[in-house]
N, C-alpha and C. Protein backbone atom coordinates (compact mmCIF):
# COMPACT_ATOMS: atom_id res chain seq x y z
N MET A 1 0.81 -1.20 0.00
CA MET A 1 0.00 0.00 0.00
C MET A 1 0.86 1.26 0.00
N GLY A 2 2.14 1.17 0.17
CA GLY A 2 2.97 2.33 0.30
C GLY A 2 2.99 3.24 -0.90
N HIS A 3 2.54 2.79 -2.06
CA HIS A 3 2.59 3.63 -3.25
C HIS A 3 1.39 4.56 -3.39
N PHE A 4 0.45 4.50 -2.48
CA PHE A 4 -0.71 5.39 -2.53
C PHE A 4 -0.41 6.67 -1.77
N SER A 5 -0.94 7.77 -2.25
CA SER A 5 -0.76 9.03 -1.54
C SER A 5 -1.84 9.16 -0.48
N VAL A 6 -1.52 9.87 0.56
CA VAL A 6 -2.47 10.08 1.65
C VAL A 6 -3.37 11.26 1.29
N VAL A 7 -4.64 11.16 1.61
CA VAL A 7 -5.57 12.25 1.38
C VAL A 7 -5.02 13.48 2.11
N PRO A 8 -4.71 14.56 1.41
CA PRO A 8 -4.02 15.68 2.03
C PRO A 8 -4.82 16.48 3.04
N THR A 9 -6.14 16.41 3.00
CA THR A 9 -6.93 17.27 3.87
C THR A 9 -7.28 16.64 5.21
N LEU A 10 -6.80 15.42 5.46
CA LEU A 10 -7.16 14.75 6.71
C LEU A 10 -6.65 15.51 7.92
N LYS A 11 -7.50 15.64 8.89
CA LYS A 11 -7.12 16.24 10.16
C LYS A 11 -6.66 15.12 11.08
N PRO A 12 -5.95 15.45 12.15
CA PRO A 12 -5.42 14.41 13.03
C PRO A 12 -6.48 13.56 13.71
N GLU A 13 -7.68 14.10 13.90
CA GLU A 13 -8.71 13.29 14.56
C GLU A 13 -9.05 12.07 13.71
N ASN A 14 -9.80 11.17 14.27
CA ASN A 14 -10.10 9.90 13.61
C ASN A 14 -11.30 10.00 12.66
N VAL A 15 -11.17 10.83 11.66
CA VAL A 15 -12.25 11.05 10.70
C VAL A 15 -12.60 9.76 9.97
N LEU A 16 -11.60 9.13 9.38
CA LEU A 16 -11.87 7.91 8.62
C LEU A 16 -12.08 6.71 9.54
N HIS A 17 -11.40 6.71 10.66
CA HIS A 17 -11.56 5.59 11.59
C HIS A 17 -13.02 5.49 12.06
N SER A 18 -13.68 6.62 12.20
CA SER A 18 -15.07 6.61 12.64
C SER A 18 -15.99 5.96 11.60
N THR A 19 -15.56 5.95 10.34
CA THR A 19 -16.40 5.32 9.30
C THR A 19 -16.40 3.81 9.41
N LEU A 20 -15.40 3.24 10.06
CA LEU A 20 -15.35 1.79 10.21
C LEU A 20 -16.58 1.28 10.96
N GLU A 21 -17.06 2.07 11.90
CA GLU A 21 -18.24 1.67 12.68
C GLU A 21 -19.50 1.59 11.82
N ARG A 22 -19.52 2.33 10.72
CA ARG A 22 -20.70 2.36 9.85
C ARG A 22 -20.60 1.41 8.67
N MET A 23 -19.46 0.74 8.55
CA MET A 23 -19.27 -0.21 7.44
C MET A 23 -19.89 -1.56 7.79
N THR A 24 -20.41 -2.20 6.76
CA THR A 24 -20.93 -3.55 6.93
C THR A 24 -19.78 -4.55 6.95
N VAL A 25 -20.07 -5.76 7.36
CA VAL A 25 -19.07 -6.82 7.34
C VAL A 25 -18.60 -7.05 5.91
N VAL A 26 -19.51 -7.01 4.96
CA VAL A 26 -19.17 -7.19 3.55
C VAL A 26 -18.19 -6.11 3.09
N GLN A 27 -18.45 -4.87 3.47
CA GLN A 27 -17.57 -3.76 3.08
C GLN A 27 -16.18 -3.92 3.70
N LYS A 28 -16.14 -4.26 4.98
CA LYS A 28 -14.84 -4.47 5.64
C LYS A 28 -14.08 -5.62 5.00
N ASN A 29 -14.77 -6.71 4.72
CA ASN A 29 -14.11 -7.86 4.09
C ASN A 29 -13.61 -7.50 2.69
N PHE A 30 -14.35 -6.67 1.97
CA PHE A 30 -13.93 -6.22 0.65
C PHE A 30 -12.62 -5.44 0.74
N ILE A 31 -12.56 -4.49 1.65
CA ILE A 31 -11.34 -3.70 1.82
C ILE A 31 -10.18 -4.63 2.17
N CYS A 32 -10.40 -5.53 3.09
CA CYS A 32 -9.34 -6.45 3.52
C CYS A 32 -8.83 -7.31 2.38
N LYS A 33 -9.76 -7.83 1.59
CA LYS A 33 -9.37 -8.67 0.45
C LYS A 33 -8.56 -7.86 -0.56
N GLU A 34 -9.05 -6.66 -0.89
CA GLU A 34 -8.36 -5.83 -1.89
C GLU A 34 -6.99 -5.36 -1.41
N ALA A 35 -6.86 -5.10 -0.11
CA ALA A 35 -5.62 -4.57 0.43
C ALA A 35 -4.68 -5.66 0.95
N GLY A 36 -5.19 -6.89 1.06
CA GLY A 36 -4.36 -7.97 1.58
C GLY A 36 -4.07 -7.85 3.07
N ILE A 37 -5.08 -7.39 3.82
CA ILE A 37 -4.93 -7.24 5.27
C ILE A 37 -6.05 -7.99 5.97
N THR A 38 -5.91 -8.14 7.28
CA THR A 38 -6.95 -8.79 8.07
C THR A 38 -7.92 -7.74 8.61
N VAL A 39 -9.06 -8.21 9.09
CA VAL A 39 -10.04 -7.30 9.69
C VAL A 39 -9.44 -6.64 10.92
N ASP A 40 -8.66 -7.38 11.71
CA ASP A 40 -8.00 -6.78 12.88
C ASP A 40 -7.05 -5.67 12.47
N GLU A 41 -6.31 -5.89 11.40
CA GLU A 41 -5.40 -4.84 10.91
C GLU A 41 -6.19 -3.62 10.44
N LEU A 42 -7.31 -3.85 9.80
CA LEU A 42 -8.16 -2.74 9.37
C LEU A 42 -8.67 -1.95 10.57
N GLN A 43 -9.17 -2.65 11.57
CA GLN A 43 -9.70 -2.00 12.77
C GLN A 43 -8.65 -1.18 13.50
N GLN A 44 -7.41 -1.63 13.44
CA GLN A 44 -6.33 -0.95 14.17
C GLN A 44 -5.52 -0.01 13.29
N ALA A 45 -5.93 0.15 12.05
CA ALA A 45 -5.19 0.99 11.10
C ALA A 45 -5.15 2.44 11.55
N SER A 46 -4.05 3.08 11.24
CA SER A 46 -3.91 4.51 11.54
C SER A 46 -4.75 5.31 10.56
N GLU A 47 -4.95 6.56 10.88
CA GLU A 47 -5.70 7.45 9.98
C GLU A 47 -4.97 7.57 8.64
N GLU A 48 -3.65 7.57 8.69
CA GLU A 48 -2.84 7.65 7.46
C GLU A 48 -3.06 6.41 6.59
N THR A 49 -3.06 5.24 7.20
CA THR A 49 -3.29 4.01 6.46
C THR A 49 -4.70 3.98 5.88
N LEU A 50 -5.67 4.45 6.65
CA LEU A 50 -7.04 4.51 6.14
C LEU A 50 -7.13 5.47 4.96
N GLY A 51 -6.34 6.54 4.99
CA GLY A 51 -6.28 7.45 3.84
C GLY A 51 -5.73 6.75 2.61
N GLU A 52 -4.75 5.89 2.80
CA GLU A 52 -4.19 5.11 1.69
C GLU A 52 -5.23 4.13 1.17
N LEU A 53 -6.00 3.53 2.07
CA LEU A 53 -7.06 2.61 1.66
C LEU A 53 -8.15 3.36 0.89
N TYR A 54 -8.46 4.56 1.32
CA TYR A 54 -9.43 5.40 0.61
C TYR A 54 -8.94 5.65 -0.83
N ASP A 55 -7.67 5.99 -0.96
CA ASP A 55 -7.10 6.21 -2.30
C ASP A 55 -7.21 4.94 -3.14
N MET A 56 -6.94 3.78 -2.53
CA MET A 56 -7.05 2.51 -3.23
C MET A 56 -8.48 2.29 -3.73
N LEU A 57 -9.45 2.57 -2.87
CA LEU A 57 -10.86 2.40 -3.24
C LEU A 57 -11.25 3.35 -4.37
N CYS A 58 -10.73 4.57 -4.34
CA CYS A 58 -10.98 5.52 -5.44
C CYS A 58 -10.44 4.97 -6.75
N ASP A 59 -9.23 4.39 -6.68
CA ASP A 59 -8.63 3.79 -7.88
C ASP A 59 -9.48 2.64 -8.40
N ILE A 60 -9.98 1.80 -7.50
CA ILE A 60 -10.82 0.67 -7.91
C ILE A 60 -12.08 1.18 -8.59
N GLU A 61 -12.72 2.18 -7.99
CA GLU A 61 -13.94 2.74 -8.58
C GLU A 61 -13.66 3.26 -9.99
N CYS A 62 -12.55 3.98 -10.15
CA CYS A 62 -12.19 4.51 -11.48
C CYS A 62 -11.90 3.39 -12.46
N GLU A 63 -11.13 2.38 -12.04
CA GLU A 63 -10.81 1.25 -12.90
C GLU A 63 -12.09 0.57 -13.40
N GLU A 64 -12.99 0.32 -12.49
CA GLU A 64 -14.21 -0.39 -12.83
C GLU A 64 -15.13 0.45 -13.73
N THR A 65 -15.09 1.76 -13.57
CA THR A 65 -15.88 2.65 -14.41
C THR A 65 -15.35 2.65 -15.83
N VAL A 66 -14.03 2.62 -15.97
CA VAL A 66 -13.40 2.63 -17.28
C VAL A 66 -13.66 1.31 -18.01
N ILE A 67 -13.69 0.22 -17.29
CA ILE A 67 -13.89 -1.10 -17.90
C ILE A 67 -15.27 -1.20 -18.55
N ASP A 68 -16.27 -0.68 -17.88
CA ASP A 68 -17.64 -0.82 -18.39
C ASP A 68 -18.48 0.30 -17.79
N GLU A 69 -19.42 0.79 -18.54
CA GLU A 69 -20.30 1.85 -18.02
C GLU A 69 -21.12 1.35 -16.84
N GLU A 70 -21.49 0.08 -16.86
CA GLU A 70 -22.23 -0.55 -15.76
C GLU A 70 -21.22 -1.05 -14.74
N LEU A 71 -21.30 -0.53 -13.52
CA LEU A 71 -20.34 -0.93 -12.50
C LEU A 71 -20.54 -2.39 -12.09
N SER A 72 -19.41 -3.09 -11.94
CA SER A 72 -19.43 -4.46 -11.43
C SER A 72 -19.72 -4.42 -9.93
N GLU A 73 -19.91 -5.58 -9.34
CA GLU A 73 -20.10 -5.64 -7.89
C GLU A 73 -18.90 -5.04 -7.18
N ARG A 74 -17.71 -5.32 -7.69
CA ARG A 74 -16.48 -4.75 -7.13
C ARG A 74 -16.53 -3.23 -7.19
N GLY A 75 -16.94 -2.71 -8.33
CA GLY A 75 -17.04 -1.26 -8.50
C GLY A 75 -18.09 -0.65 -7.59
N LYS A 76 -19.22 -1.35 -7.45
CA LYS A 76 -20.29 -0.83 -6.58
C LYS A 76 -19.87 -0.80 -5.12
N LEU A 77 -19.14 -1.83 -4.68
CA LEU A 77 -18.65 -1.84 -3.30
C LEU A 77 -17.66 -0.70 -3.08
N ALA A 78 -16.75 -0.53 -4.03
CA ALA A 78 -15.77 0.56 -3.92
C ALA A 78 -16.48 1.91 -3.93
N GLU A 79 -17.46 2.07 -4.81
CA GLU A 79 -18.21 3.33 -4.92
C GLU A 79 -18.89 3.68 -3.59
N GLY A 80 -19.54 2.70 -2.97
CA GLY A 80 -20.20 2.95 -1.70
C GLY A 80 -19.23 3.35 -0.60
N LEU A 81 -18.07 2.70 -0.58
CA LEU A 81 -17.07 3.02 0.43
C LEU A 81 -16.43 4.39 0.18
N VAL A 82 -16.20 4.71 -1.09
CA VAL A 82 -15.65 6.04 -1.42
C VAL A 82 -16.63 7.13 -0.98
N THR A 83 -17.91 6.89 -1.19
CA THR A 83 -18.91 7.86 -0.77
C THR A 83 -18.93 8.00 0.75
N LEU A 84 -18.95 6.88 1.46
CA LEU A 84 -18.97 6.90 2.92
C LEU A 84 -17.75 7.63 3.48
N MET A 85 -16.58 7.25 3.01
CA MET A 85 -15.34 7.83 3.53
C MET A 85 -15.16 9.27 3.04
N GLY A 86 -15.50 9.51 1.79
CA GLY A 86 -15.38 10.86 1.23
C GLY A 86 -16.29 11.86 1.93
N ASN A 87 -17.50 11.43 2.25
CA ASN A 87 -18.41 12.30 2.99
C ASN A 87 -17.87 12.61 4.38
N ALA A 88 -17.23 11.65 5.01
CA ALA A 88 -16.65 11.88 6.33
C ALA A 88 -15.54 12.93 6.24
N ILE A 89 -14.73 12.83 5.20
CA ILE A 89 -13.67 13.82 5.01
C ILE A 89 -14.27 15.20 4.74
N ALA A 90 -15.23 15.25 3.82
CA ALA A 90 -15.87 16.52 3.48
C ALA A 90 -16.55 17.14 4.70
N ASP A 91 -17.22 16.31 5.48
CA ASP A 91 -17.90 16.81 6.68
C ASP A 91 -16.90 17.37 7.68
N SER A 92 -15.76 16.71 7.83
CA SER A 92 -14.75 17.19 8.78
C SER A 92 -14.16 18.53 8.36
N GLU A 93 -14.23 18.80 7.07
CA GLU A 93 -13.71 20.06 6.52
C GLU A 93 -14.80 21.13 6.44
N GLY A 94 -16.03 20.77 6.82
CA GLY A 94 -17.14 21.71 6.73
C GLY A 94 -17.69 21.86 5.33
N LEU A 95 -17.24 21.01 4.42
CA LEU A 95 -17.66 21.14 3.02
C LEU A 95 -19.09 20.68 2.80
N LEU A 96 -19.57 19.73 3.58
CA LEU A 96 -20.96 19.30 3.42
C LEU A 96 -21.92 20.41 3.83
N ASP A 97 -21.57 21.12 4.91
CA ASP A 97 -22.40 22.25 5.34
C ASP A 97 -22.47 23.30 4.24
N GLU A 98 -21.32 23.60 3.63
CA GLU A 98 -21.28 24.58 2.54
C GLU A 98 -22.12 24.11 1.37
N TYR A 99 -22.03 22.82 1.04
CA TYR A 99 -22.79 22.26 -0.08
C TYR A 99 -24.29 22.40 0.17
N TYR A 100 -24.72 22.01 1.37
CA TYR A 100 -26.16 22.07 1.66
C TYR A 100 -26.65 23.51 1.79
N ASP A 101 -25.80 24.41 2.26
CA ASP A 101 -26.17 25.82 2.32
C ASP A 101 -26.39 26.37 0.92
N GLU A 102 -25.51 25.99 -0.02
CA GLU A 102 -25.64 26.44 -1.41
C GLU A 102 -26.91 25.88 -2.05
N GLU A 103 -27.23 24.62 -1.75
CA GLU A 103 -28.46 24.03 -2.29
C GLU A 103 -29.70 24.76 -1.79
N ASP A 104 -29.69 25.11 -0.50
CA ASP A 104 -30.83 25.82 0.10
C ASP A 104 -31.02 27.18 -0.58
N GLU A 105 -29.90 27.86 -0.91
CA GLU A 105 -29.97 29.17 -1.55
C GLU A 105 -30.57 29.07 -2.96
N GLU A 106 -30.35 27.94 -3.64
CA GLU A 106 -30.83 27.78 -5.00
C GLU A 106 -32.33 27.53 -5.05
N GLU A 107 -32.91 27.06 -3.97
CA GLU A 107 -34.35 26.74 -3.96
C GLU A 107 -35.21 27.93 -3.84
């Protein structure tokens, strides 16, 4: 996993680690299989490592999108995890609040 870049906007708090609690067993097992790690290693991963896993999931989503317009099960799992983790990052940066404020102004 060392070749992945860390999401640059991560704050020191456990932004991504908190998403582990909201992941299903299937999602956790998917990450573990793709990354070659155990569930225990995933649970104990640092925020930096989780950032690398997020990057890996983004790459999988992109790969699967390029292969076919219809996402495979692999692509769909990656897509759901990218959304879950990406929203956590955006929320920690206050970007979700800004997004919803802009939507309210447009109505």
